[in-house]
Amino acid sequence: MAGRFRLLPRGVEGQYFKAAPDGWLFGPPRPCLTLGDRPTYLVTDAQKAKLAARIRLSRYFRLLLAIPLVAATPLWIYLVRGFSPVANTWLVLGLYLIAVHLLEYLMLRPLLADIPRTEQRMTTADMLRQQSRAMSVRSQVLLCGLFGLASVLSLLCLFLRIPVEQGLLRGIALFSGFLSMLWLALLMIRLRTPSHLGSGHPT
């Protein structure tokens, strides 16, 4: 029987959770992409389920906000006079990322109000490994392929000198290429992870 269609692949919230002997370590996003130590919480299976559901909901909001943003590209491509289309694109993308990151933080905050922090920490490497383990091989192959295709098509447009902003095409090619390589690296981690560790559940 065919699996149920999912707009977001299973496991997109997996980067924030790491199995621990007495539960799960949860490293939530920081508000407005701030730097510094990431606060970490020790949560139960029930708390993890609620947090994961809230994160997935926030990711759907990201998609909903991205649709009008992309559709309105002709309106903001020259948003700031004196900025090139590439500079305006990075400006708008940065503002979008800050906004959706803050939204996710605010959506999670009520669920964390009564959960004490732990001294244990989740590093960026931990989060990447957990993201790889949480998502299926198929989803990671698809994401790697999609970003790789976007990069190749952008480079092809550059090579054929299609009348599109060249700097913007170079930016898309570099950004998509980076994401494709990132997902390829995560896929390699996933393929090298023993099957009994793939779910990340504590034993």
N, C-alpha and C. Protein backbone atom coordinates (compact mmCIF):
# COMPACT_ATOMS: atom_id res chain seq x y z
N MET A 1 0.85 -1.20 0.00
CA MET A 1 0.00 0.00 0.00
C MET A 1 0.88 1.24 0.00
N ALA A 2 0.53 2.19 -0.83
CA ALA A 2 1.35 3.39 -0.95
C ALA A 2 1.28 4.19 0.34
N GLY A 3 2.42 4.81 0.71
CA GLY A 3 2.46 5.62 1.92
C GLY A 3 1.70 6.91 1.75
N ARG A 4 1.27 7.48 2.87
CA ARG A 4 0.53 8.73 2.83
C ARG A 4 1.45 9.86 2.38
N PHE A 5 0.90 10.71 1.52
CA PHE A 5 1.69 11.84 1.01
C PHE A 5 1.97 12.82 2.15
N ARG A 6 3.20 13.30 2.19
CA ARG A 6 3.61 14.28 3.17
C ARG A 6 4.23 15.47 2.47
N LEU A 7 3.69 16.66 2.73
CA LEU A 7 4.28 17.87 2.15
C LEU A 7 5.68 18.08 2.70
N LEU A 8 5.85 17.81 4.00
CA LEU A 8 7.16 17.85 4.63
C LEU A 8 7.59 16.41 4.95
N PRO A 9 8.82 16.05 4.63
CA PRO A 9 9.26 14.68 4.90
C PRO A 9 9.30 14.38 6.39
N ARG A 10 9.10 13.12 6.72
CA ARG A 10 9.18 12.70 8.11
C ARG A 10 10.60 12.96 8.64
N GLY A 11 10.69 13.49 9.84
CA GLY A 11 12.00 13.67 10.47
C GLY A 11 12.60 15.05 10.31
N VAL A 12 11.86 16.04 9.73
CA VAL A 12 12.44 17.38 9.56
C VAL A 12 12.74 18.04 10.91
N GLU A 13 12.05 17.57 11.95
CA GLU A 13 12.28 18.12 13.28
C GLU A 13 13.37 17.38 14.05
N GLY A 14 13.96 16.35 13.42
CA GLY A 14 14.89 15.47 14.12
C GLY A 14 16.18 16.12 14.58
N GLN A 15 16.57 17.23 13.96
CA GLN A 15 17.85 17.86 14.32
C GLN A 15 17.86 18.38 15.76
N TYR A 16 16.70 18.66 16.32
CA TYR A 16 16.65 19.26 17.65
C TYR A 16 16.68 18.24 18.79
N PHE A 17 16.56 16.95 18.47
CA PHE A 17 16.46 15.92 19.50
C PHE A 17 17.63 14.95 19.43
N LYS A 18 18.14 14.61 20.61
CA LYS A 18 19.21 13.62 20.71
C LYS A 18 18.87 12.67 21.85
N ALA A 19 18.95 11.37 21.55
CA ALA A 19 18.61 10.37 22.56
C ALA A 19 19.56 10.44 23.74
N ALA A 20 18.99 10.32 24.94
CA ALA A 20 19.77 10.31 26.18
C ALA A 20 19.30 9.12 27.02
N PRO A 21 20.11 8.65 27.97
CA PRO A 21 19.73 7.49 28.77
C PRO A 21 18.39 7.65 29.49
N ASP A 22 18.06 8.88 29.91
CA ASP A 22 16.82 9.10 30.67
C ASP A 22 15.83 9.99 29.94
N GLY A 23 15.86 9.98 28.62
CA GLY A 23 14.91 10.76 27.84
C GLY A 23 15.52 11.26 26.55
N TRP A 24 15.29 12.53 26.27
CA TRP A 24 15.80 13.15 25.05
C TRP A 24 16.38 14.52 25.37
N LEU A 25 17.51 14.83 24.78
CA LEU A 25 18.02 16.19 24.84
C LEU A 25 17.34 16.99 23.75
N PHE A 26 16.86 18.16 24.09
CA PHE A 26 16.18 19.03 23.13
C PHE A 26 16.89 20.37 23.10
N GLY A 27 17.45 20.70 21.92
CA GLY A 27 18.13 21.98 21.74
C GLY A 27 17.30 22.86 20.82
N PRO A 28 16.42 23.70 21.35
CA PRO A 28 15.50 24.49 20.52
C PRO A 28 16.23 25.58 19.76
N PRO A 29 15.59 26.11 18.71
CA PRO A 29 16.18 27.23 17.98
C PRO A 29 16.27 28.45 18.87
N ARG A 30 17.30 29.24 18.64
CA ARG A 30 17.47 30.48 19.39
C ARG A 30 16.76 31.62 18.67
N PRO A 31 16.24 32.60 19.41
CA PRO A 31 15.49 33.68 18.76
C PRO A 31 16.37 34.51 17.84
N CYS A 32 15.84 34.78 16.66
CA CYS A 32 16.50 35.70 15.70
C CYS A 32 17.90 35.25 15.31
N LEU A 33 18.15 33.95 15.27
CA LEU A 33 19.44 33.41 14.83
C LEU A 33 20.59 33.93 15.68
N THR A 34 20.35 34.17 16.98
CA THR A 34 21.40 34.69 17.84
C THR A 34 22.48 33.65 18.05
N LEU A 35 23.69 34.14 18.37
CA LEU A 35 24.82 33.26 18.59
C LEU A 35 24.93 32.93 20.09
N GLY A 36 25.89 32.08 20.42
CA GLY A 36 26.09 31.71 21.81
C GLY A 36 25.64 30.29 22.07
N ASP A 37 25.74 29.88 23.35
CA ASP A 37 25.36 28.53 23.73
C ASP A 37 23.87 28.31 23.51
N ARG A 38 23.54 27.16 22.95
CA ARG A 38 22.15 26.80 22.73
C ARG A 38 21.58 26.19 24.02
N PRO A 39 20.47 26.72 24.56
CA PRO A 39 19.89 26.11 25.76
C PRO A 39 19.42 24.69 25.45
N THR A 40 19.63 23.79 26.39
CA THR A 40 19.27 22.39 26.19
C THR A 40 18.36 21.93 27.31
N TYR A 41 17.34 21.15 26.95
CA TYR A 41 16.37 20.64 27.90
C TYR A 41 16.36 19.11 27.84
N LEU A 42 16.05 18.48 28.97
CA LEU A 42 15.86 17.04 29.01
C LEU A 42 14.37 16.78 29.04
N VAL A 43 13.85 16.13 27.98
CA VAL A 43 12.40 15.95 27.86
C VAL A 43 12.05 14.46 27.79
N THR A 44 10.80 14.17 28.13
CA THR A 44 10.29 12.80 28.08
C THR A 44 9.77 12.49 26.68
N ASP A 45 9.37 11.24 26.45
CA ASP A 45 8.81 10.87 25.16
C ASP A 45 7.55 11.69 24.84
N ALA A 46 6.70 11.88 25.86
CA ALA A 46 5.46 12.65 25.65
C ALA A 46 5.76 14.10 25.31
N GLN A 47 6.71 14.68 26.02
CA GLN A 47 7.09 16.07 25.74
C GLN A 47 7.74 16.18 24.37
N LYS A 48 8.54 15.21 24.01
CA LYS A 48 9.18 15.21 22.69
C LYS A 48 8.12 15.20 21.58
N ALA A 49 7.09 14.39 21.75
CA ALA A 49 6.04 14.31 20.73
C ALA A 49 5.35 15.65 20.54
N LYS A 50 5.06 16.35 21.64
CA LYS A 50 4.40 17.66 21.54
C LYS A 50 5.33 18.69 20.89
N LEU A 51 6.59 18.68 21.28
CA LEU A 51 7.54 19.63 20.71
C LEU A 51 7.75 19.37 19.22
N ALA A 52 7.86 18.09 18.84
CA ALA A 52 8.07 17.74 17.44
C ALA A 52 6.88 18.18 16.59
N ALA A 53 5.67 17.99 17.12
CA ALA A 53 4.47 18.41 16.38
C ALA A 53 4.44 19.92 16.20
N ARG A 54 4.86 20.65 17.23
CA ARG A 54 4.88 22.11 17.13
C ARG A 54 5.92 22.58 16.12
N ILE A 55 7.07 21.91 16.08
CA ILE A 55 8.11 22.27 15.11
C ILE A 55 7.62 22.02 13.68
N ARG A 56 6.97 20.88 13.48
CA ARG A 56 6.44 20.59 12.13
C ARG A 56 5.43 21.64 11.71
N LEU A 57 4.58 22.07 12.66
CA LEU A 57 3.60 23.12 12.35
C LEU A 57 4.30 24.41 11.95
N SER A 58 5.37 24.75 12.66
CA SER A 58 6.10 25.97 12.33
C SER A 58 6.73 25.88 10.94
N ARG A 59 7.14 24.67 10.53
CA ARG A 59 7.73 24.50 9.21
C ARG A 59 6.68 24.68 8.11
N TYR A 60 5.44 24.31 8.40
CA TYR A 60 4.37 24.57 7.43
C TYR A 60 4.13 26.08 7.30
N PHE A 61 4.24 26.79 8.40
CA PHE A 61 4.12 28.25 8.33
C PHE A 61 5.24 28.83 7.48
N ARG A 62 6.44 28.24 7.57
CA ARG A 62 7.55 28.70 6.74
C ARG A 62 7.20 28.59 5.26
N LEU A 63 6.62 27.45 4.90
CA LEU A 63 6.24 27.24 3.49
C LEU A 63 5.17 28.24 3.06
N LEU A 64 4.17 28.46 3.93
CA LEU A 64 3.09 29.37 3.59
C LEU A 64 3.61 30.79 3.41
N LEU A 65 4.58 31.18 4.22
CA LEU A 65 5.15 32.53 4.10
C LEU A 65 6.07 32.65 2.89
N ALA A 66 6.71 31.54 2.52
CA ALA A 66 7.64 31.57 1.39
C ALA A 66 6.92 31.74 0.05
N ILE A 67 5.69 31.23 -0.05
CA ILE A 67 4.96 31.29 -1.32
C ILE A 67 4.72 32.75 -1.76
N PRO A 68 4.11 33.60 -0.93
CA PRO A 68 3.94 35.00 -1.38
C PRO A 68 5.26 35.74 -1.53
N LEU A 69 6.27 35.33 -0.74
CA LEU A 69 7.57 35.98 -0.86
C LEU A 69 8.16 35.74 -2.25
N VAL A 70 8.10 34.51 -2.70
CA VAL A 70 8.63 34.18 -4.04
C VAL A 70 7.77 34.84 -5.12
N ALA A 71 6.44 34.80 -4.94
CA ALA A 71 5.53 35.38 -5.94
C ALA A 71 5.74 36.89 -6.08
N ALA A 72 6.18 37.53 -4.99
CA ALA A 72 6.36 38.99 -5.01
C ALA A 72 7.79 39.40 -5.36
N THR A 73 8.56 38.49 -5.92
CA THR A 73 9.96 38.79 -6.26
C THR A 73 10.13 40.07 -7.09
N PRO A 74 9.30 40.29 -8.13
CA PRO A 74 9.48 41.54 -8.90
C PRO A 74 9.30 42.80 -8.07
N LEU A 75 8.61 42.71 -6.93
CA LEU A 75 8.35 43.90 -6.11
C LEU A 75 9.52 44.22 -5.18
N TRP A 76 10.27 43.19 -4.76
CA TRP A 76 11.36 43.47 -3.81
C TRP A 76 12.76 43.30 -4.39
N ILE A 77 12.85 42.88 -5.65
CA ILE A 77 14.16 42.67 -6.23
C ILE A 77 14.96 43.98 -6.30
N TYR A 78 14.24 45.10 -6.32
CA TYR A 78 14.89 46.42 -6.28
C TYR A 78 14.40 47.20 -5.06
N LEU A 79 14.23 46.50 -3.96
CA LEU A 79 13.66 47.08 -2.74
C LEU A 79 14.47 48.27 -2.25
N VAL A 80 15.77 48.11 -2.15
CA VAL A 80 16.64 49.19 -1.66
C VAL A 80 17.40 49.77 -2.84
N ARG A 81 17.17 51.03 -3.10
CA ARG A 81 17.86 51.67 -4.22
C ARG A 81 19.36 51.73 -3.95
N GLY A 82 20.12 51.44 -4.96
CA GLY A 82 21.56 51.40 -4.80
C GLY A 82 22.07 49.99 -4.53
N PHE A 83 21.16 49.07 -4.15
CA PHE A 83 21.51 47.67 -3.98
C PHE A 83 21.29 46.94 -5.29
N SER A 84 22.15 46.00 -5.58
CA SER A 84 21.96 45.15 -6.76
C SER A 84 20.84 44.15 -6.46
N PRO A 85 20.28 43.50 -7.51
CA PRO A 85 19.27 42.46 -7.26
C PRO A 85 19.77 41.36 -6.33
N VAL A 86 21.06 41.03 -6.44
CA VAL A 86 21.63 40.00 -5.56
C VAL A 86 21.62 40.47 -4.11
N ALA A 87 22.04 41.71 -3.88
CA ALA A 87 22.08 42.25 -2.52
C ALA A 87 20.68 42.33 -1.92
N ASN A 88 19.70 42.75 -2.74
CA ASN A 88 18.32 42.80 -2.25
C ASN A 88 17.79 41.41 -1.95
N THR A 89 18.18 40.43 -2.76
CA THR A 89 17.74 39.05 -2.52
C THR A 89 18.28 38.54 -1.19
N TRP A 90 19.57 38.78 -0.92
CA TRP A 90 20.16 38.34 0.35
C TRP A 90 19.54 39.07 1.52
N LEU A 91 19.21 40.35 1.34
CA LEU A 91 18.57 41.13 2.40
C LEU A 91 17.20 40.56 2.74
N VAL A 92 16.39 40.32 1.72
CA VAL A 92 15.04 39.79 1.95
C VAL A 92 15.10 38.37 2.51
N LEU A 93 16.03 37.57 1.99
CA LEU A 93 16.17 36.20 2.50
C LEU A 93 16.58 36.21 3.98
N GLY A 94 17.49 37.12 4.33
CA GLY A 94 17.91 37.22 5.72
C GLY A 94 16.76 37.63 6.64
N LEU A 95 15.96 38.61 6.19
CA LEU A 95 14.81 39.04 6.98
C LEU A 95 13.79 37.91 7.12
N TYR A 96 13.61 37.16 6.05
CA TYR A 96 12.68 36.02 6.10
C TYR A 96 13.14 34.97 7.10
N LEU A 97 14.43 34.63 7.07
CA LEU A 97 14.96 33.62 7.98
C LEU A 97 14.85 34.07 9.43
N ILE A 98 15.13 35.33 9.69
CA ILE A 98 15.01 35.85 11.05
C ILE A 98 13.55 35.77 11.51
N ALA A 99 12.61 36.14 10.62
CA ALA A 99 11.20 36.15 10.98
C ALA A 99 10.68 34.74 11.28
N VAL A 100 10.99 33.77 10.41
CA VAL A 100 10.46 32.42 10.63
C VAL A 100 11.16 31.73 11.81
N HIS A 101 12.42 32.09 12.04
CA HIS A 101 13.13 31.52 13.18
C HIS A 101 12.54 32.04 14.48
N LEU A 102 12.24 33.33 14.51
CA LEU A 102 11.62 33.92 15.69
C LEU A 102 10.23 33.33 15.92
N LEU A 103 9.48 33.12 14.85
CA LEU A 103 8.15 32.52 14.95
C LEU A 103 8.24 31.13 15.56
N GLU A 104 9.19 30.33 15.10
CA GLU A 104 9.36 28.98 15.64
C GLU A 104 9.71 29.04 17.13
N TYR A 105 10.59 29.95 17.49
CA TYR A 105 10.99 30.11 18.89
C TYR A 105 9.78 30.47 19.76
N LEU A 106 8.93 31.40 19.29
CA LEU A 106 7.77 31.81 20.06
C LEU A 106 6.73 30.71 20.16
N MET A 107 6.62 29.87 19.13
CA MET A 107 5.67 28.76 19.17
C MET A 107 6.10 27.67 20.15
N LEU A 108 7.41 27.51 20.32
CA LEU A 108 7.92 26.48 21.23
C LEU A 108 8.00 26.95 22.68
N ARG A 109 8.13 28.25 22.86
CA ARG A 109 8.38 28.80 24.20
C ARG A 109 7.35 28.36 25.24
N PRO A 110 6.03 28.38 24.95
CA PRO A 110 5.06 27.96 25.98
C PRO A 110 5.24 26.51 26.42
N LEU A 111 5.67 25.64 25.51
CA LEU A 111 5.85 24.23 25.85
C LEU A 111 7.07 24.00 26.73
N LEU A 112 8.00 24.95 26.75
CA LEU A 112 9.23 24.81 27.52
C LEU A 112 9.19 25.54 28.86
N ALA A 113 8.08 26.21 29.13
CA ALA A 113 8.01 27.07 30.32
C ALA A 113 8.28 26.31 31.61
N ASP A 114 7.80 25.07 31.72
CA ASP A 114 7.91 24.31 32.97
C ASP A 114 8.96 23.21 32.90
N ILE A 115 9.78 23.22 31.86
CA ILE A 115 10.81 22.18 31.71
C ILE A 115 12.16 22.78 32.09
N PRO A 116 12.85 22.21 33.08
CA PRO A 116 14.15 22.76 33.49
C PRO A 116 15.22 22.49 32.45
N ARG A 117 16.21 23.36 32.41
CA ARG A 117 17.34 23.17 31.50
C ARG A 117 18.30 22.14 32.08
N THR A 118 19.13 21.59 31.21
CA THR A 118 20.15 20.65 31.63
C THR A 118 21.52 21.20 31.26
N GLU A 119 22.53 20.74 31.97
CA GLU A 119 23.90 21.18 31.70
C GLU A 119 24.47 20.55 30.44
N GLN A 120 23.83 19.48 29.98
CA GLN A 120 24.30 18.81 28.76
C GLN A 120 24.06 19.73 27.56
N ARG A 121 24.87 19.56 26.52
CA ARG A 121 24.80 20.44 25.36
C ARG A 121 24.68 19.65 24.06
N MET A 122 24.02 20.27 23.09
CA MET A 122 23.95 19.72 21.74
C MET A 122 24.77 20.61 20.82
N THR A 123 25.74 20.03 20.15
CA THR A 123 26.58 20.79 19.22
C THR A 123 25.96 20.79 17.83
N THR A 124 26.48 21.62 16.96
CA THR A 124 26.01 21.63 15.58
C THR A 124 26.23 20.28 14.92
N ALA A 125 27.36 19.64 15.22
CA ALA A 125 27.63 18.30 14.67
C ALA A 125 26.59 17.30 15.16
N ASP A 126 26.20 17.40 16.43
CA ASP A 126 25.15 16.53 16.96
C ASP A 126 23.85 16.72 16.18
N MET A 127 23.50 17.98 15.92
CA MET A 127 22.25 18.28 15.25
C MET A 127 22.24 17.76 13.82
N LEU A 128 23.37 17.87 13.14
CA LEU A 128 23.45 17.36 11.77
C LEU A 128 23.31 15.83 11.75
N ARG A 129 23.97 15.17 12.71
CA ARG A 129 23.86 13.71 12.78
C ARG A 129 22.42 13.28 13.08
N GLN A 130 21.78 13.99 14.01
CA GLN A 130 20.41 13.63 14.36
C GLN A 130 19.45 13.88 13.20
N GLN A 131 19.68 14.96 12.45
CA GLN A 131 18.84 15.24 11.28
C GLN A 131 18.96 14.12 10.27
N SER A 132 20.19 13.64 10.05
CA SER A 132 20.42 12.57 9.09
C SER A 132 19.74 11.28 9.53
N ARG A 133 19.84 10.96 10.82
CA ARG A 133 19.24 9.72 11.32
C ARG A 133 17.73 9.76 11.31
N ALA A 134 17.15 10.95 11.51
CA ALA A 134 15.70 11.07 11.63
C ALA A 134 14.99 10.98 10.29
N MET A 135 15.66 11.41 9.22
CA MET A 135 15.02 11.43 7.90
C MET A 135 15.36 10.18 7.11
N SER A 136 14.46 9.78 6.24
CA SER A 136 14.67 8.59 5.43
C SER A 136 15.71 8.84 4.35
N VAL A 137 16.29 7.76 3.87
CA VAL A 137 17.26 7.86 2.77
C VAL A 137 16.59 8.48 1.55
N ARG A 138 15.37 8.09 1.28
CA ARG A 138 14.65 8.61 0.11
C ARG A 138 14.50 10.13 0.18
N SER A 139 14.12 10.65 1.35
CA SER A 139 13.94 12.09 1.49
C SER A 139 15.25 12.83 1.29
N GLN A 140 16.33 12.28 1.83
CA GLN A 140 17.63 12.94 1.70
C GLN A 140 18.15 12.89 0.27
N VAL A 141 17.91 11.79 -0.42
CA VAL A 141 18.28 11.70 -1.84
C VAL A 141 17.50 12.73 -2.65
N LEU A 142 16.20 12.87 -2.35
CA LEU A 142 15.36 13.82 -3.07
C LEU A 142 15.84 15.25 -2.87
N LEU A 143 16.13 15.63 -1.61
CA LEU A 143 16.60 16.99 -1.33
C LEU A 143 17.95 17.26 -1.97
N CYS A 144 18.85 16.29 -1.89
CA CYS A 144 20.16 16.44 -2.53
C CYS A 144 20.00 16.63 -4.03
N GLY A 145 19.11 15.84 -4.65
CA GLY A 145 18.89 15.94 -6.08
C GLY A 145 18.24 17.24 -6.50
N LEU A 146 17.26 17.71 -5.72
CA LEU A 146 16.56 18.95 -6.07
C LEU A 146 17.50 20.15 -6.03
N PHE A 147 18.29 20.25 -4.96
CA PHE A 147 19.22 21.37 -4.87
C PHE A 147 20.34 21.24 -5.90
N GLY A 148 20.76 20.01 -6.17
CA GLY A 148 21.77 19.81 -7.19
C GLY A 148 21.25 20.21 -8.56
N LEU A 149 19.99 19.87 -8.86
CA LEU A 149 19.39 20.25 -10.14
C LEU A 149 19.29 21.76 -10.27
N ALA A 150 18.88 22.44 -9.18
CA ALA A 150 18.79 23.91 -9.21
C ALA A 150 20.14 24.53 -9.49
N SER A 151 21.19 23.97 -8.90
CA SER A 151 22.54 24.49 -9.13
C SER A 151 22.97 24.28 -10.58
N VAL A 152 22.72 23.09 -11.10
CA VAL A 152 23.11 22.78 -12.48
C VAL A 152 22.36 23.66 -13.47
N LEU A 153 21.05 23.84 -13.25
CA LEU A 153 20.26 24.67 -14.16
C LEU A 153 20.73 26.12 -14.13
N SER A 154 21.09 26.61 -12.97
CA SER A 154 21.60 27.98 -12.86
C SER A 154 22.91 28.13 -13.62
N LEU A 155 23.79 27.15 -13.46
CA LEU A 155 25.06 27.19 -14.19
C LEU A 155 24.83 27.09 -15.69
N LEU A 156 23.85 26.30 -16.09
CA LEU A 156 23.53 26.17 -17.52
C LEU A 156 23.03 27.50 -18.08
N CYS A 157 22.19 28.19 -17.30
CA CYS A 157 21.70 29.51 -17.74
C CYS A 157 22.85 30.50 -17.87
N LEU A 158 23.82 30.40 -16.97
CA LEU A 158 25.00 31.26 -17.07
C LEU A 158 25.81 30.95 -18.32
N PHE A 159 25.97 29.66 -18.58
CA PHE A 159 26.76 29.23 -19.74
C PHE A 159 26.09 29.66 -21.05
N LEU A 160 24.75 29.58 -21.11
CA LEU A 160 24.02 29.93 -22.32
C LEU A 160 23.75 31.43 -22.42
N ARG A 161 24.17 32.18 -21.38
CA ARG A 161 23.99 33.64 -21.35
C ARG A 161 22.52 34.04 -21.52
N ILE A 162 21.65 33.32 -20.82
CA ILE A 162 20.24 33.66 -20.83
C ILE A 162 20.07 35.03 -20.15
N PRO A 163 19.23 35.90 -20.71
CA PRO A 163 19.11 37.27 -20.19
C PRO A 163 18.42 37.34 -18.83
N VAL A 164 19.12 36.85 -17.81
CA VAL A 164 18.67 36.94 -16.42
C VAL A 164 19.84 37.51 -15.63
N GLU A 165 19.55 38.21 -14.56
CA GLU A 165 20.60 38.79 -13.73
C GLU A 165 21.68 37.76 -13.42
N GLN A 166 22.89 37.98 -13.94
CA GLN A 166 23.96 37.00 -13.83
C GLN A 166 24.42 36.80 -12.38
N GLY A 167 24.50 37.90 -11.63
CA GLY A 167 24.89 37.77 -10.24
C GLY A 167 23.90 36.92 -9.44
N LEU A 168 22.62 37.09 -9.73
CA LEU A 168 21.59 36.31 -9.05
C LEU A 168 21.71 34.84 -9.39
N LEU A 169 21.98 34.55 -10.65
CA LEU A 169 22.16 33.15 -11.06
C LEU A 169 23.37 32.53 -10.38
N ARG A 170 24.44 33.28 -10.26
CA ARG A 170 25.63 32.76 -9.57
C ARG A 170 25.33 32.48 -8.09
N GLY A 171 24.56 33.39 -7.49
CA GLY A 171 24.19 33.19 -6.09
C GLY A 171 23.35 31.95 -5.90
N ILE A 172 22.38 31.74 -6.81
CA ILE A 172 21.52 30.55 -6.73
C ILE A 172 22.35 29.29 -6.92
N ALA A 173 23.28 29.34 -7.88
CA ALA A 173 24.12 28.18 -8.15
C ALA A 173 24.97 27.81 -6.93
N LEU A 174 25.57 28.82 -6.31
CA LEU A 174 26.42 28.57 -5.15
C LEU A 174 25.61 28.08 -3.96
N PHE A 175 24.49 28.75 -3.68
CA PHE A 175 23.66 28.40 -2.53
C PHE A 175 23.07 27.01 -2.70
N SER A 176 22.52 26.73 -3.89
CA SER A 176 21.93 25.41 -4.14
C SER A 176 23.00 24.32 -4.12
N GLY A 177 24.17 24.65 -4.66
CA GLY A 177 25.25 23.67 -4.66
C GLY A 177 25.70 23.34 -3.24
N PHE A 178 25.77 24.37 -2.39
CA PHE A 178 26.14 24.14 -0.99
C PHE A 178 25.12 23.24 -0.29
N LEU A 179 23.83 23.52 -0.49
CA LEU A 179 22.79 22.71 0.14
C LEU A 179 22.79 21.28 -0.39
N SER A 180 23.06 21.13 -1.69
CA SER A 180 23.14 19.79 -2.26
C SER A 180 24.28 18.99 -1.64
N MET A 181 25.44 19.62 -1.47
CA MET A 181 26.58 18.94 -0.86
C MET A 181 26.30 18.64 0.62
N LEU A 182 25.60 19.55 1.30
CA LEU A 182 25.26 19.31 2.70
C LEU A 182 24.37 18.09 2.84
N TRP A 183 23.33 18.00 2.01
CA TRP A 183 22.44 16.85 2.09
C TRP A 183 23.13 15.57 1.63
N LEU A 184 24.08 15.70 0.72
CA LEU A 184 24.87 14.53 0.32
C LEU A 184 25.69 14.02 1.50
N ALA A 185 26.28 14.96 2.26
CA ALA A 185 27.06 14.57 3.43
C ALA A 185 26.17 13.91 4.48
N LEU A 186 24.97 14.47 4.70
CA LEU A 186 24.03 13.87 5.65
C LEU A 186 23.59 12.48 5.19
N LEU A 187 23.42 12.34 3.88
CA LEU A 187 23.05 11.03 3.33
C LEU A 187 24.14 10.01 3.58
N MET A 188 25.39 10.41 3.43
CA MET A 188 26.50 9.49 3.69
C MET A 188 26.52 9.07 5.16
N ILE A 189 26.22 10.03 6.06
CA ILE A 189 26.13 9.70 7.48
C ILE A 189 25.02 8.68 7.72
N ARG A 190 23.89 8.91 7.06
CA ARG A 190 22.73 8.01 7.22
C ARG A 190 23.06 6.61 6.73
N LEU A 191 23.74 6.49 5.62
CA LEU A 191 24.04 5.18 5.05
C LEU A 191 25.07 4.43 5.88
N ARG A 192 25.90 5.18 6.61
CA ARG A 192 26.92 4.54 7.44
C ARG A 192 26.43 4.25 8.85
N THR A 193 25.21 4.72 9.18
CA THR A 193 24.68 4.49 10.51
C THR A 193 24.04 3.12 10.59
N PRO A 194 24.42 2.27 11.55
CA PRO A 194 23.79 0.96 11.69
C PRO A 194 22.28 1.11 11.83
N SER A 195 21.54 0.17 11.25
CA SER A 195 20.09 0.27 11.20
C SER A 195 19.47 0.35 12.58
N HIS A 196 20.07 -0.29 13.60
CA HIS A 196 19.47 -0.25 14.94
C HIS A 196 19.69 1.08 15.63
N LEU A 197 20.55 1.97 15.03
CA LEU A 197 20.76 3.29 15.60
C LEU A 197 20.03 4.36 14.80
N GLY A 198 19.46 4.00 13.67
CA GLY A 198 18.87 4.99 12.78
C GLY A 198 17.72 5.76 13.39
N SER A 199 16.94 5.11 14.28
CA SER A 199 15.81 5.80 14.86
C SER A 199 16.19 6.78 15.93
N GLY A 200 17.38 6.57 16.54
CA GLY A 200 17.85 7.47 17.59
C GLY A 200 17.17 7.30 18.92
N HIS A 201 16.38 6.22 19.12
CA HIS A 201 15.68 6.03 20.39
C HIS A 201 16.66 5.53 21.44
N PRO A 202 16.52 6.00 22.66
CA PRO A 202 17.37 5.50 23.71
C PRO A 202 17.07 4.06 24.01
N THR A 203 18.11 3.30 24.39
CA THR A 203 17.90 1.89 24.68
C THR A 203 17.77 1.69 26.18
